[in-house]
Amino acid sequence: MTRFPGLPDTGAMTASTLDLHREFYAEADRFGRFYPRVLDVALVVEPEHFLKDPSYRDLGWYDPSDHTIHVVDRLREFSPSHRLGIIRHELGHAADDDLGAPGSELRADYLAEKATGQPILYDGDDVQNVDIGVRRPYYLK
């Protein structure tokens, strides 16, 4: 299935794990122009049961100890816009020189926008995407 980033979503289309990897590494290459260390980040797709206490929003995280971004397999069921928003947000964490300092979530969105020219938005369920919603709501950590 071909993806066309930047075009409006036509709804959720299930992606393969290979699609997730392709989308991820294309974005990592894009980020690498601004943040070279991001080029070494690896993607790990985890089964849903990997999470101890999953919530609807627990879709991805950056692990600085081994320079990996983890996403749950369920992300394949989200729209291309949501997958892109989550991938970019996590790459923003990987690009952050001050990871762990206050404001890291907002900073990840800022770094993603700086690398792509497109803001990270949050839909009605507070899930990142690149097409609909508002910038990071104040009540999210």
C-alpha atoms as a PDB file:
ATOM      1  CA  MET A   1       0.000   0.000   0.000  1.00  0.00           C
ATOM      2  CA  THR A   2       1.432   3.396  -0.961  1.00  0.00           C
ATOM      3  CA  ARG A   3       1.457   6.214   1.592  1.00  0.00           C
ATOM      4  CA  PHE A   4       1.144   9.860   0.655  1.00  0.00           C
ATOM      5  CA  PRO A   5       2.290  11.929   3.670  1.00  0.00           C
ATOM      6  CA  GLY A   6       0.809  15.382   3.694  1.00  0.00           C
ATOM      7  CA  LEU A   7      -2.491  14.435   2.079  1.00  0.00           C
ATOM      8  CA  PRO A   8      -5.608  14.223   4.241  1.00  0.00           C
ATOM      9  CA  ASP A   9      -6.322  10.819   5.723  1.00  0.00           C
ATOM     10  CA  THR A  10      -9.136   8.779   4.276  1.00  0.00           C
ATOM     11  CA  GLY A  11      -9.522   6.914   7.559  1.00  0.00           C
ATOM     12  CA  ALA A  12      -7.548   4.234   9.319  1.00  0.00           C
ATOM     13  CA  MET A  13      -5.789   1.819   6.986  1.00  0.00           C
ATOM     14  CA  THR A  14      -4.036  -1.125   8.564  1.00  0.00           C
ATOM     15  CA  ALA A  15      -0.337  -0.958   7.822  1.00  0.00           C
ATOM     16  CA  SER A  16       2.085  -3.844   7.914  1.00  0.00           C
ATOM     17  CA  THR A  17       5.023  -3.926  10.289  1.00  0.00           C
ATOM     18  CA  LEU A  18       7.185  -3.316   7.228  1.00  0.00           C
ATOM     19  CA  ASP A  19       5.115  -0.171   6.489  1.00  0.00           C
ATOM     20  CA  LEU A  20       5.824   1.077  10.028  1.00  0.00           C
ATOM     21  CA  HIS A  21       9.538   0.549   9.514  1.00  0.00           C
ATOM     22  CA  ARG A  22       9.502   2.300   6.144  1.00  0.00           C
ATOM     23  CA  GLU A  23       7.596   5.271   7.569  1.00  0.00           C
ATOM     24  CA  PHE A  24       9.895   5.425  10.576  1.00  0.00           C
ATOM     25  CA  TYR A  25      13.192   5.311   8.682  1.00  0.00           C
ATOM     26  CA  ALA A  26      11.985   7.841   6.091  1.00  0.00           C
ATOM     27  CA  GLU A  27      11.235  10.245   8.946  1.00  0.00           C
ATOM     28  CA  ALA A  28      14.513   9.434  10.718  1.00  0.00           C
ATOM     29  CA  ASP A  29      16.354  10.361   7.509  1.00  0.00           C
ATOM     30  CA  ARG A  30      14.410  13.613   7.363  1.00  0.00           C
ATOM     31  CA  PHE A  31      15.246  14.415  11.012  1.00  0.00           C
ATOM     32  CA  GLY A  32      18.871  13.465  10.437  1.00  0.00           C
ATOM     33  CA  ARG A  33      19.398  16.578   8.336  1.00  0.00           C
ATOM     34  CA  PHE A  34      18.863  18.650  11.490  1.00  0.00           C
ATOM     35  CA  TYR A  35      19.758  16.153  14.228  1.00  0.00           C
ATOM     36  CA  PRO A  36      22.414  13.700  12.964  1.00  0.00           C
ATOM     37  CA  ARG A  37      22.279  11.446  16.047  1.00  0.00           C
ATOM     38  CA  VAL A  38      18.718  10.497  15.112  1.00  0.00           C
ATOM     39  CA  LEU A  39      20.106   8.553  12.144  1.00  0.00           C
ATOM     40  CA  ASP A  40      21.293   5.877  14.612  1.00  0.00           C
ATOM     41  CA  VAL A  41      17.889   5.369  16.261  1.00  0.00           C
ATOM     42  CA  ALA A  42      16.296   1.944  15.745  1.00  0.00           C
ATOM     43  CA  LEU A  43      12.590   1.088  15.709  1.00  0.00           C
ATOM     44  CA  VAL A  44      11.180  -1.762  17.791  1.00  0.00           C
ATOM     45  CA  VAL A  45       7.563  -2.879  17.296  1.00  0.00           C
ATOM     46  CA  GLU A  46       6.249  -4.353  20.539  1.00  0.00           C
ATOM     47  CA  PRO A  47       3.216  -6.582  21.122  1.00  0.00           C
ATOM     48  CA  GLU A  48       0.412  -4.887  23.053  1.00  0.00           C
ATOM     49  CA  HIS A  49       0.887  -7.097  26.126  1.00  0.00           C
ATOM     50  CA  PHE A  50       4.397  -5.616  26.529  1.00  0.00           C
ATOM     51  CA  LEU A  51       2.812  -2.662  28.331  1.00  0.00           C
ATOM     52  CA  LYS A  52       2.144  -3.196  32.029  1.00  0.00           C
ATOM     53  CA  ASP A  53      -0.700  -0.706  32.257  1.00  0.00           C
ATOM     54  CA  PRO A  54      -1.661   0.309  28.720  1.00  0.00           C
ATOM     55  CA  SER A  55      -3.882   3.246  27.967  1.00  0.00           C
ATOM     56  CA  TYR A  56      -5.259   4.300  24.619  1.00  0.00           C
ATOM     57  CA  ARG A  57      -2.478   6.894  24.300  1.00  0.00           C
ATOM     58  CA  ASP A  58       0.396   4.480  25.084  1.00  0.00           C
ATOM     59  CA  LEU A  59       1.544   3.994  21.518  1.00  0.00           C
ATOM     60  CA  GLY A  60       5.235   4.847  21.511  1.00  0.00           C
ATOM     61  CA  TRP A  61       8.231   5.841  23.610  1.00  0.00           C
ATOM     62  CA  TYR A  62      11.911   6.619  23.241  1.00  0.00           C
ATOM     63  CA  ASP A  63      14.473   4.632  25.246  1.00  0.00           C
ATOM     64  CA  PRO A  64      17.674   6.669  25.543  1.00  0.00           C
ATOM     65  CA  SER A  65      19.553   3.773  27.168  1.00  0.00           C
ATOM     66  CA  ASP A  66      19.744   1.894  23.867  1.00  0.00           C
ATOM     67  CA  HIS A  67      18.719   4.686  21.446  1.00  0.00           C
ATOM     68  CA  THR A  68      15.528   2.931  20.319  1.00  0.00           C
ATOM     69  CA  ILE A  69      11.991   4.046  19.667  1.00  0.00           C
ATOM     70  CA  HIS A  70       9.351   1.506  20.609  1.00  0.00           C
ATOM     71  CA  VAL A  71       5.833   1.467  19.212  1.00  0.00           C
ATOM     72  CA  VAL A  72       3.052  -0.961  20.017  1.00  0.00           C
ATOM     73  CA  ASP A  73       1.798  -3.191  17.238  1.00  0.00           C
ATOM     74  CA  ARG A  74      -1.635  -1.552  17.554  1.00  0.00           C
ATOM     75  CA  LEU A  75      -0.170   1.570  15.906  1.00  0.00           C
ATOM     76  CA  ARG A  76      -0.542  -0.277  12.572  1.00  0.00           C
ATOM     77  CA  GLU A  77      -4.314   0.225  12.856  1.00  0.00           C
ATOM     78  CA  PHE A  78      -4.086   4.017  13.126  1.00  0.00           C
ATOM     79  CA  SER A  79      -4.308   6.414  10.210  1.00  0.00           C
ATOM     80  CA  PRO A  80      -1.147   7.424   8.341  1.00  0.00           C
ATOM     81  CA  SER A  81      -1.481  10.883   9.911  1.00  0.00           C
ATOM     82  CA  HIS A  82      -1.482   9.438  13.429  1.00  0.00           C
ATOM     83  CA  ARG A  83       1.420   7.092  12.726  1.00  0.00           C
ATOM     84  CA  LEU A  84       3.414  10.001  11.347  1.00  0.00           C
ATOM     85  CA  GLY A  85       2.569  12.250  14.306  1.00  0.00           C
ATOM     86  CA  ILE A  86       3.602   9.617  16.844  1.00  0.00           C
ATOM     87  CA  ILE A  87       6.793   8.700  14.992  1.00  0.00           C
ATOM     88  CA  ARG A  88       7.774  12.360  14.671  1.00  0.00           C
ATOM     89  CA  HIS A  89       7.041  13.069  18.331  1.00  0.00           C
ATOM     90  CA  GLU A  90       9.238  10.171  19.451  1.00  0.00           C
ATOM     91  CA  LEU A  91      12.002  11.226  17.056  1.00  0.00           C
ATOM     92  CA  GLY A  92      11.727  14.643  18.696  1.00  0.00           C
ATOM     93  CA  HIS A  93      12.613  12.978  22.007  1.00  0.00           C
ATOM     94  CA  ALA A  94      15.583  11.270  20.374  1.00  0.00           C
ATOM     95  CA  ALA A  95      16.768  14.643  19.047  1.00  0.00           C
ATOM     96  CA  ASP A  96      16.391  16.393  22.414  1.00  0.00           C
ATOM     97  CA  ASP A  97      19.708  17.518  23.946  1.00  0.00           C
ATOM     98  CA  ASP A  98      17.999  18.049  27.289  1.00  0.00           C
ATOM     99  CA  LEU A  99      15.908  14.877  27.537  1.00  0.00           C
ATOM    100  CA  GLY A 100      14.465  14.467  31.009  1.00  0.00           C
ATOM    101  CA  ALA A 101      14.423  18.171  31.802  1.00  0.00           C
ATOM    102  CA  PRO A 102      11.053  19.834  32.404  1.00  0.00           C
ATOM    103  CA  GLY A 103       9.149  20.512  29.206  1.00  0.00           C
ATOM    104  CA  SER A 104      10.494  17.508  27.294  1.00  0.00           C
ATOM    105  CA  GLU A 105       7.088  16.570  25.830  1.00  0.00           C
ATOM    106  CA  LEU A 106       6.481  20.037  24.421  1.00  0.00           C
ATOM    107  CA  ARG A 107      10.101  20.226  23.289  1.00  0.00           C
ATOM    108  CA  ALA A 108       9.736  16.946  21.367  1.00  0.00           C
ATOM    109  CA  ASP A 109       6.865  18.487  19.401  1.00  0.00           C
ATOM    110  CA  TYR A 110       8.888  21.652  18.768  1.00  0.00           C
ATOM    111  CA  LEU A 111      11.927  19.700  17.523  1.00  0.00           C
ATOM    112  CA  ALA A 112       9.677  17.631  15.245  1.00  0.00           C
ATOM    113  CA  GLU A 113       8.165  20.772  13.769  1.00  0.00           C
ATOM    114  CA  LYS A 114      11.605  22.288  13.280  1.00  0.00           C
ATOM    115  CA  ALA A 115      12.731  19.189  11.346  1.00  0.00           C
ATOM    116  CA  THR A 116       9.599  18.826   9.218  1.00  0.00           C
ATOM    117  CA  GLY A 117       7.985  22.248   9.002  1.00  0.00           C
ATOM    118  CA  GLN A 118       4.721  20.693  10.157  1.00  0.00           C
ATOM    119  CA  PRO A 119       3.313  20.917  13.702  1.00  0.00           C
ATOM    120  CA  ILE A 120       2.386  17.912  15.808  1.00  0.00           C
ATOM    121  CA  LEU A 121      -1.339  18.123  16.558  1.00  0.00           C
ATOM    122  CA  TYR A 122      -3.509  16.317  19.112  1.00  0.00           C
ATOM    123  CA  ASP A 123      -6.923  14.967  18.212  1.00  0.00           C
ATOM    124  CA  GLY A 124      -9.982  14.682  20.492  1.00  0.00           C
ATOM    125  CA  ASP A 125      -8.427  11.615  22.155  1.00  0.00           C
ATOM    126  CA  ASP A 126      -5.132  13.504  22.705  1.00  0.00           C
ATOM    127  CA  VAL A 127      -3.289  11.308  20.201  1.00  0.00           C
ATOM    128  CA  GLN A 128      -0.585  12.902  18.058  1.00  0.00           C
ATOM    129  CA  ASN A 129      -1.120  13.337  14.337  1.00  0.00           C
ATOM    130  CA  VAL A 130      -0.240  15.815  11.589  1.00  0.00           C
ATOM    131  CA  ASP A 131      -3.664  16.691  10.144  1.00  0.00           C
ATOM    132  CA  ILE A 132      -6.366  17.447  12.733  1.00  0.00           C
ATOM    133  CA  GLY A 133      -6.675  18.947  16.177  1.00  0.00           C
ATOM    134  CA  VAL A 134      -4.737  21.412  18.282  1.00  0.00           C
ATOM    135  CA  ARG A 135      -1.177  21.842  19.458  1.00  0.00           C
ATOM    136  CA  ARG A 136      -0.277  19.973  22.654  1.00  0.00           C
ATOM    137  CA  PRO A 137      -2.990  20.629  25.264  1.00  0.00           C
ATOM    138  CA  TYR A 138      -1.751  22.207  28.500  1.00  0.00           C
ATOM    139  CA  TYR A 139      -3.145  19.385  30.663  1.00  0.00           C
ATOM    140  CA  LEU A 140      -0.933  16.711  29.094  1.00  0.00           C
ATOM    141  CA  LYS A 141       2.340  16.165  30.883  1.00  0.00           C
END
